[in-house]
Amino acid sequence: MRLNRLIGTFLIVGHCIGNPELSSLRNVESQNIIQHATGKFDVKLTPQQPDREAARVANLGRMSIEKQFHGDLEATSNGEMLAAQTEVKGSAGYVAMERVVGVLRGRTGSFVLQHIGTMDRGVPKMSVTVVPD
């Protein structure tokens, strides 16, 4: 089994409208709160067994994600990623979902991140969205 460890930085920009999972924000009903969080993270990607037919036909790979966030967000996360490479060198795509649990500037709670990324002949494009509610 191969393990990949990466270290990165993050910037989270999120909107909270009465999110019941963030205990210190329970009284917020219609107020739109914008938060910016910065820091570093460690990530461990572990290859998982993909569906055989999907892997054979579409060259799909599957990985589990484990992260530890440090900075404005002190948290851990777990998730899964599905990725595919094309026959063109440097072109690929991935999607992932990860649940983050921890403390954001003193507020305890959790949220889900949705990842969408592409590599177009070596040019990366990535979007990570905080799933609403």
N, C-alpha and C. Protein backbone atom coordinates (compact mmCIF):
# COMPACT_ATOMS: atom_id res chain seq x y z
N MET A 1 0.85 -1.18 0.00
CA MET A 1 0.00 0.00 0.00
C MET A 1 0.89 1.24 0.00
N ARG A 2 0.64 2.14 -0.91
CA ARG A 2 1.38 3.39 -1.02
C ARG A 2 0.65 4.49 -0.27
N LEU A 3 1.38 5.29 0.48
CA LEU A 3 0.79 6.43 1.17
C LEU A 3 1.40 7.70 0.60
N ASN A 4 0.59 8.69 0.39
CA ASN A 4 1.06 9.99 -0.06
C ASN A 4 0.82 10.99 1.06
N ARG A 5 1.83 11.76 1.41
CA ARG A 5 1.68 12.82 2.41
C ARG A 5 2.00 14.14 1.75
N LEU A 6 1.12 15.08 1.91
CA LEU A 6 1.30 16.41 1.34
C LEU A 6 1.13 17.43 2.44
N ILE A 7 1.77 18.55 2.29
CA ILE A 7 1.58 19.67 3.19
C ILE A 7 1.13 20.84 2.33
N GLY A 8 0.12 21.55 2.76
CA GLY A 8 -0.39 22.66 1.97
C GLY A 8 -0.86 23.79 2.85
N THR A 9 -1.40 24.80 2.22
CA THR A 9 -1.99 25.92 2.94
C THR A 9 -3.44 26.03 2.51
N PHE A 10 -4.23 26.67 3.34
CA PHE A 10 -5.65 26.80 2.99
C PHE A 10 -6.13 28.21 3.26
N LEU A 11 -7.15 28.56 2.55
CA LEU A 11 -7.93 29.78 2.78
C LEU A 11 -9.37 29.35 2.62
N ILE A 12 -10.15 29.46 3.68
CA ILE A 12 -11.55 29.09 3.62
C ILE A 12 -12.38 30.36 3.69
N VAL A 13 -13.25 30.53 2.74
CA VAL A 13 -14.19 31.64 2.75
C VAL A 13 -15.57 31.01 2.78
N GLY A 14 -16.31 31.28 3.83
CA GLY A 14 -17.60 30.61 3.95
C GLY A 14 -18.69 31.56 4.36
N HIS A 15 -19.90 31.20 4.03
CA HIS A 15 -21.09 31.94 4.42
C HIS A 15 -21.88 31.05 5.35
N CYS A 16 -22.35 31.59 6.44
CA CYS A 16 -23.16 30.81 7.38
C CYS A 16 -24.50 31.52 7.56
N ILE A 17 -25.56 30.81 7.27
CA ILE A 17 -26.90 31.36 7.49
C ILE A 17 -27.63 30.38 8.41
N GLY A 18 -27.54 30.64 9.72
CA GLY A 18 -28.25 29.80 10.69
C GLY A 18 -27.82 28.35 10.66
N ASN A 19 -26.54 28.06 10.55
CA ASN A 19 -26.05 26.69 10.52
C ASN A 19 -26.16 26.06 11.91
N PRO A 20 -27.04 25.07 12.10
CA PRO A 20 -27.24 24.50 13.42
C PRO A 20 -26.05 23.69 13.92
N GLU A 21 -25.14 23.27 13.03
CA GLU A 21 -24.00 22.47 13.47
C GLU A 21 -22.93 23.28 14.17
N LEU A 22 -22.88 24.58 13.96
CA LEU A 22 -21.89 25.41 14.62
C LEU A 22 -22.53 25.98 15.88
N SER A 23 -22.22 25.35 17.02
CA SER A 23 -22.94 25.64 18.25
C SER A 23 -22.95 27.11 18.62
N SER A 24 -21.86 27.84 18.42
CA SER A 24 -21.84 29.24 18.83
C SER A 24 -22.59 30.13 17.84
N LEU A 25 -23.05 29.57 16.72
CA LEU A 25 -23.81 30.35 15.75
C LEU A 25 -25.29 29.97 15.74
N ARG A 26 -25.75 29.20 16.72
CA ARG A 26 -27.13 28.72 16.72
C ARG A 26 -28.16 29.82 16.75
N ASN A 27 -27.82 30.97 17.30
CA ASN A 27 -28.79 32.06 17.38
C ASN A 27 -28.82 32.92 16.13
N VAL A 28 -27.98 32.61 15.17
CA VAL A 28 -27.95 33.37 13.93
C VAL A 28 -29.02 32.80 13.01
N GLU A 29 -29.99 33.61 12.66
CA GLU A 29 -31.08 33.13 11.82
C GLU A 29 -30.96 33.62 10.38
N SER A 30 -30.93 34.93 10.18
CA SER A 30 -30.93 35.43 8.81
C SER A 30 -29.69 36.26 8.50
N GLN A 31 -28.77 36.32 9.45
CA GLN A 31 -27.58 37.12 9.27
C GLN A 31 -26.59 36.36 8.40
N ASN A 32 -26.01 37.02 7.43
CA ASN A 32 -25.01 36.41 6.55
C ASN A 32 -23.64 36.75 7.11
N ILE A 33 -22.91 35.74 7.54
CA ILE A 33 -21.59 35.94 8.14
C ILE A 33 -20.53 35.43 7.17
N ILE A 34 -19.56 36.26 6.87
CA ILE A 34 -18.46 35.85 5.99
C ILE A 34 -17.22 35.66 6.85
N GLN A 35 -16.61 34.50 6.75
CA GLN A 35 -15.41 34.17 7.51
C GLN A 35 -14.26 33.88 6.56
N HIS A 36 -13.08 34.33 6.93
CA HIS A 36 -11.86 33.97 6.22
C HIS A 36 -10.97 33.24 7.22
N ALA A 37 -10.49 32.08 6.87
CA ALA A 37 -9.60 31.31 7.74
C ALA A 37 -8.35 30.95 6.96
N THR A 38 -7.20 31.08 7.58
CA THR A 38 -5.95 30.71 6.92
C THR A 38 -5.14 29.79 7.81
N GLY A 39 -4.25 29.06 7.21
CA GLY A 39 -3.37 28.17 7.96
C GLY A 39 -2.75 27.14 7.07
N LYS A 40 -2.29 26.07 7.68
CA LYS A 40 -1.64 24.98 6.96
C LYS A 40 -2.39 23.69 7.21
N PHE A 41 -2.15 22.70 6.34
CA PHE A 41 -2.72 21.38 6.58
C PHE A 41 -1.75 20.31 6.12
N ASP A 42 -1.87 19.15 6.76
CA ASP A 42 -1.16 17.93 6.36
C ASP A 42 -2.23 17.00 5.82
N VAL A 43 -1.91 16.32 4.72
CA VAL A 43 -2.90 15.39 4.15
C VAL A 43 -2.23 14.06 3.84
N LYS A 44 -2.96 12.99 4.13
CA LYS A 44 -2.51 11.64 3.79
C LYS A 44 -3.53 11.07 2.82
N LEU A 45 -3.07 10.70 1.63
CA LEU A 45 -3.92 10.08 0.61
C LEU A 45 -3.55 8.60 0.55
N THR A 46 -4.53 7.74 0.70
CA THR A 46 -4.30 6.30 0.67
C THR A 46 -5.10 5.68 -0.46
N PRO A 47 -4.42 5.04 -1.43
CA PRO A 47 -5.15 4.40 -2.53
C PRO A 47 -6.14 3.35 -2.01
N GLN A 48 -7.32 3.32 -2.61
CA GLN A 48 -8.37 2.36 -2.28
C GLN A 48 -8.68 1.55 -3.52
N GLN A 49 -9.27 0.40 -3.33
CA GLN A 49 -9.63 -0.45 -4.45
C GLN A 49 -10.83 0.14 -5.18
N PRO A 50 -10.66 0.55 -6.45
CA PRO A 50 -11.82 1.08 -7.19
C PRO A 50 -12.68 -0.06 -7.72
N ASP A 51 -13.87 0.28 -8.15
CA ASP A 51 -14.71 -0.68 -8.84
C ASP A 51 -13.94 -1.18 -10.06
N ARG A 52 -13.81 -2.49 -10.22
CA ARG A 52 -12.98 -3.06 -11.30
C ARG A 52 -13.38 -2.59 -12.68
N GLU A 53 -14.68 -2.64 -12.96
CA GLU A 53 -15.14 -2.27 -14.30
C GLU A 53 -14.91 -0.79 -14.57
N ALA A 54 -15.20 0.06 -13.58
CA ALA A 54 -14.98 1.50 -13.75
C ALA A 54 -13.50 1.80 -13.95
N ALA A 55 -12.65 1.13 -13.20
CA ALA A 55 -11.21 1.35 -13.33
C ALA A 55 -10.71 0.90 -14.70
N ARG A 56 -11.23 -0.21 -15.20
CA ARG A 56 -10.80 -0.74 -16.49
C ARG A 56 -11.27 0.15 -17.64
N VAL A 57 -12.53 0.56 -17.61
CA VAL A 57 -13.12 1.31 -18.71
C VAL A 57 -12.70 2.78 -18.70
N ALA A 58 -12.70 3.40 -17.53
CA ALA A 58 -12.49 4.85 -17.46
C ALA A 58 -11.16 5.24 -16.82
N ASN A 59 -10.29 4.28 -16.52
CA ASN A 59 -9.01 4.58 -15.88
C ASN A 59 -9.22 5.39 -14.60
N LEU A 60 -10.16 4.93 -13.74
CA LEU A 60 -10.48 5.63 -12.50
C LEU A 60 -9.62 5.12 -11.35
N GLY A 61 -9.30 6.03 -10.46
CA GLY A 61 -8.62 5.69 -9.21
C GLY A 61 -9.41 6.26 -8.06
N ARG A 62 -9.27 5.64 -6.88
CA ARG A 62 -10.00 6.08 -5.70
C ARG A 62 -9.04 6.17 -4.53
N MET A 63 -9.15 7.22 -3.72
CA MET A 63 -8.27 7.40 -2.57
C MET A 63 -9.07 7.86 -1.37
N SER A 64 -8.62 7.45 -0.18
CA SER A 64 -9.18 8.02 1.05
C SER A 64 -8.33 9.24 1.41
N ILE A 65 -8.96 10.21 2.06
CA ILE A 65 -8.31 11.46 2.43
C ILE A 65 -8.37 11.60 3.95
N GLU A 66 -7.23 11.90 4.56
CA GLU A 66 -7.17 12.25 5.98
C GLU A 66 -6.35 13.54 6.08
N LYS A 67 -6.93 14.57 6.72
CA LYS A 67 -6.23 15.85 6.87
C LYS A 67 -6.21 16.29 8.31
N GLN A 68 -5.19 17.08 8.63
CA GLN A 68 -5.12 17.81 9.89
C GLN A 68 -4.87 19.26 9.55
N PHE A 69 -5.76 20.15 10.00
CA PHE A 69 -5.66 21.58 9.75
C PHE A 69 -5.06 22.27 10.96
N HIS A 70 -4.21 23.28 10.72
CA HIS A 70 -3.58 24.06 11.78
C HIS A 70 -3.67 25.53 11.41
N GLY A 71 -3.97 26.37 12.37
CA GLY A 71 -4.10 27.81 12.12
C GLY A 71 -5.42 28.30 12.65
N ASP A 72 -6.11 29.15 11.88
CA ASP A 72 -7.43 29.62 12.30
C ASP A 72 -8.40 28.46 12.47
N LEU A 73 -8.19 27.41 11.71
CA LEU A 73 -8.99 26.19 11.80
C LEU A 73 -8.13 25.08 12.37
N GLU A 74 -8.48 24.59 13.55
CA GLU A 74 -7.82 23.42 14.17
C GLU A 74 -8.80 22.28 14.01
N ALA A 75 -8.53 21.37 13.09
CA ALA A 75 -9.53 20.35 12.77
C ALA A 75 -8.89 19.14 12.12
N THR A 76 -9.70 18.10 11.99
CA THR A 76 -9.34 16.92 11.22
C THR A 76 -10.44 16.70 10.19
N SER A 77 -10.10 15.97 9.13
CA SER A 77 -11.12 15.63 8.15
C SER A 77 -10.87 14.25 7.58
N ASN A 78 -11.93 13.67 7.07
CA ASN A 78 -11.87 12.39 6.37
C ASN A 78 -12.75 12.51 5.14
N GLY A 79 -12.31 11.87 4.06
CA GLY A 79 -13.10 11.92 2.84
C GLY A 79 -12.65 10.91 1.82
N GLU A 80 -13.23 11.04 0.63
CA GLU A 80 -12.90 10.16 -0.49
C GLU A 80 -12.76 10.95 -1.76
N MET A 81 -11.82 10.52 -2.59
CA MET A 81 -11.56 11.17 -3.87
C MET A 81 -11.65 10.13 -4.99
N LEU A 82 -12.24 10.54 -6.10
CA LEU A 82 -12.31 9.73 -7.30
C LEU A 82 -11.61 10.52 -8.40
N ALA A 83 -10.62 9.91 -9.06
CA ALA A 83 -9.83 10.62 -10.07
C ALA A 83 -9.72 9.80 -11.34
N ALA A 84 -9.51 10.50 -12.46
CA ALA A 84 -9.33 9.84 -13.76
C ALA A 84 -8.28 10.58 -14.56
N GLN A 85 -7.43 9.81 -15.24
CA GLN A 85 -6.46 10.38 -16.16
C GLN A 85 -6.91 10.07 -17.57
N THR A 86 -6.56 10.97 -18.50
CA THR A 86 -6.87 10.70 -19.90
C THR A 86 -5.62 10.20 -20.60
N GLU A 87 -5.75 9.90 -21.87
CA GLU A 87 -4.60 9.44 -22.64
C GLU A 87 -3.64 10.58 -22.98
N VAL A 88 -4.10 11.82 -22.82
CA VAL A 88 -3.27 12.98 -23.10
C VAL A 88 -2.45 13.30 -21.85
N LYS A 89 -1.13 13.35 -22.00
CA LYS A 89 -0.25 13.62 -20.86
C LYS A 89 -0.60 14.96 -20.21
N GLY A 90 -0.73 14.94 -18.87
CA GLY A 90 -1.03 16.16 -18.13
C GLY A 90 -2.49 16.50 -18.03
N SER A 91 -3.38 15.63 -18.51
CA SER A 91 -4.82 15.90 -18.41
C SER A 91 -5.49 14.87 -17.51
N ALA A 92 -6.26 15.37 -16.54
CA ALA A 92 -6.91 14.51 -15.56
C ALA A 92 -8.02 15.30 -14.88
N GLY A 93 -8.79 14.62 -14.05
CA GLY A 93 -9.83 15.27 -13.28
C GLY A 93 -10.09 14.51 -11.99
N TYR A 94 -10.63 15.23 -11.01
CA TYR A 94 -11.00 14.55 -9.77
C TYR A 94 -12.18 15.25 -9.11
N VAL A 95 -12.88 14.48 -8.29
CA VAL A 95 -13.92 14.99 -7.41
C VAL A 95 -13.67 14.38 -6.04
N ALA A 96 -14.04 15.10 -5.00
CA ALA A 96 -13.86 14.58 -3.64
C ALA A 96 -14.86 15.24 -2.71
N MET A 97 -15.18 14.52 -1.65
CA MET A 97 -16.00 15.04 -0.56
C MET A 97 -15.24 14.74 0.72
N GLU A 98 -15.20 15.75 1.63
CA GLU A 98 -14.56 15.51 2.93
C GLU A 98 -15.31 16.23 4.03
N ARG A 99 -15.45 15.55 5.17
CA ARG A 99 -16.12 16.13 6.33
C ARG A 99 -15.05 16.62 7.29
N VAL A 100 -15.14 17.90 7.66
CA VAL A 100 -14.19 18.56 8.54
C VAL A 100 -14.84 18.74 9.90
N VAL A 101 -14.13 18.34 10.98
CA VAL A 101 -14.63 18.48 12.34
C VAL A 101 -13.55 19.16 13.16
N GLY A 102 -13.91 20.25 13.86
CA GLY A 102 -12.92 20.92 14.67
C GLY A 102 -13.39 22.24 15.22
N VAL A 103 -12.40 23.14 15.41
CA VAL A 103 -12.65 24.44 16.01
C VAL A 103 -12.18 25.52 15.05
N LEU A 104 -13.09 26.43 14.70
CA LEU A 104 -12.78 27.56 13.84
C LEU A 104 -12.92 28.82 14.68
N ARG A 105 -11.77 29.39 15.04
CA ARG A 105 -11.74 30.61 15.88
C ARG A 105 -12.66 30.49 17.10
N GLY A 106 -12.52 29.39 17.83
CA GLY A 106 -13.28 29.19 19.06
C GLY A 106 -14.65 28.58 18.88
N ARG A 107 -15.11 28.39 17.67
CA ARG A 107 -16.42 27.80 17.41
C ARG A 107 -16.24 26.33 17.03
N THR A 108 -16.88 25.45 17.78
CA THR A 108 -16.79 24.02 17.53
C THR A 108 -17.89 23.59 16.57
N GLY A 109 -17.55 22.72 15.63
CA GLY A 109 -18.57 22.24 14.71
C GLY A 109 -17.98 21.43 13.58
N SER A 110 -18.75 21.29 12.52
CA SER A 110 -18.31 20.52 11.36
C SER A 110 -18.93 21.10 10.10
N PHE A 111 -18.30 20.78 8.98
CA PHE A 111 -18.83 21.16 7.68
C PHE A 111 -18.26 20.20 6.64
N VAL A 112 -18.82 20.24 5.45
CA VAL A 112 -18.39 19.35 4.38
C VAL A 112 -17.80 20.19 3.24
N LEU A 113 -16.67 19.72 2.71
CA LEU A 113 -16.02 20.36 1.56
C LEU A 113 -16.24 19.51 0.32
N GLN A 114 -16.59 20.17 -0.78
CA GLN A 114 -16.77 19.51 -2.08
C GLN A 114 -15.66 20.00 -3.00
N HIS A 115 -14.86 19.08 -3.52
CA HIS A 115 -13.73 19.40 -4.40
C HIS A 115 -14.06 19.04 -5.84
N ILE A 116 -13.67 19.89 -6.76
CA ILE A 116 -13.74 19.59 -8.19
C ILE A 116 -12.45 20.12 -8.80
N GLY A 117 -11.71 19.27 -9.48
CA GLY A 117 -10.46 19.72 -10.07
C GLY A 117 -10.20 19.12 -11.43
N THR A 118 -9.53 19.88 -12.28
CA THR A 118 -9.12 19.38 -13.59
C THR A 118 -7.68 19.81 -13.86
N MET A 119 -7.04 19.04 -14.70
CA MET A 119 -5.71 19.37 -15.19
C MET A 119 -5.82 19.30 -16.70
N ASP A 120 -5.66 20.43 -17.37
CA ASP A 120 -5.80 20.53 -18.82
C ASP A 120 -4.41 20.69 -19.43
N ARG A 121 -3.83 19.55 -19.82
CA ARG A 121 -2.47 19.53 -20.39
C ARG A 121 -1.48 20.27 -19.50
N GLY A 122 -1.57 19.97 -18.18
CA GLY A 122 -0.65 20.53 -17.22
C GLY A 122 -1.12 21.80 -16.53
N VAL A 123 -2.23 22.38 -16.97
CA VAL A 123 -2.74 23.62 -16.36
C VAL A 123 -3.84 23.23 -15.36
N PRO A 124 -3.59 23.47 -14.05
CA PRO A 124 -4.57 23.06 -13.05
C PRO A 124 -5.70 24.06 -12.86
N LYS A 125 -6.86 23.55 -12.52
CA LYS A 125 -8.02 24.37 -12.16
C LYS A 125 -8.74 23.61 -11.06
N MET A 126 -9.00 24.28 -9.94
CA MET A 126 -9.59 23.59 -8.82
C MET A 126 -10.59 24.49 -8.10
N SER A 127 -11.66 23.88 -7.61
CA SER A 127 -12.66 24.59 -6.84
C SER A 127 -12.99 23.73 -5.61
N VAL A 128 -12.93 24.35 -4.44
CA VAL A 128 -13.34 23.67 -3.21
C VAL A 128 -14.43 24.53 -2.58
N THR A 129 -15.60 23.93 -2.38
CA THR A 129 -16.77 24.65 -1.91
C THR A 129 -17.21 24.10 -0.55
N VAL A 130 -17.58 24.98 0.36
CA VAL A 130 -18.20 24.55 1.61
C VAL A 130 -19.67 24.26 1.29
N VAL A 131 -20.08 23.01 1.53
CA VAL A 131 -21.46 22.60 1.23
C VAL A 131 -22.41 23.36 2.18
N PRO A 132 -23.47 23.96 1.65
CA PRO A 132 -24.40 24.72 2.50
C PRO A 132 -25.05 23.86 3.59
N ASP A 133 -25.39 24.52 4.68
CA ASP A 133 -26.13 23.96 5.81
C ASP A 133 -25.43 22.78 6.44
